[in-house]
Amino acid sequence: MCRPEPFETEEEMCTRAARVARILADSCFPSDVLIVSHAPCNIAIGLGLEGLDLKEARGRTKIEPWPLGGLTRFTRDSVGESSRWELAESCATGHLSGHWREGKQRWTLPALR
């Protein structure tokens, strides 16, 4: 099997995704963020908005393993260094229909298992 170079580690991906999410949130979405993406990136973005890096997240994060189609929403009152994002909804699947509504499968990052 071929390993792509340069290869991004799980920790590097989390750092990158969290940084970009915080920049976008501060620039474009001052009070609400709804995360819709690939599960590993969703989790990394959620950790970043919680203010956690991957090394300290295990046992401290409120982010759950991500179900297929799950939505997570963060809110905050203000923008700035001291503003904190609050997890308002985690991995919600109520918008899905039929048997998908229960949330199929669940993904997490190896470092959080």
Foldseek 3Di string as FASTA:
>chain_A
DDADPPHADLQNLLVVLCVVLLVCCLVPNWFKDKDDDPQSSSVSNQCSLQVHGLVPCAPPGPADFAFVPFIWMWGWDGDDDPIHIDTPDYGQQCVDDDPCRVGHDGHDDPSRD
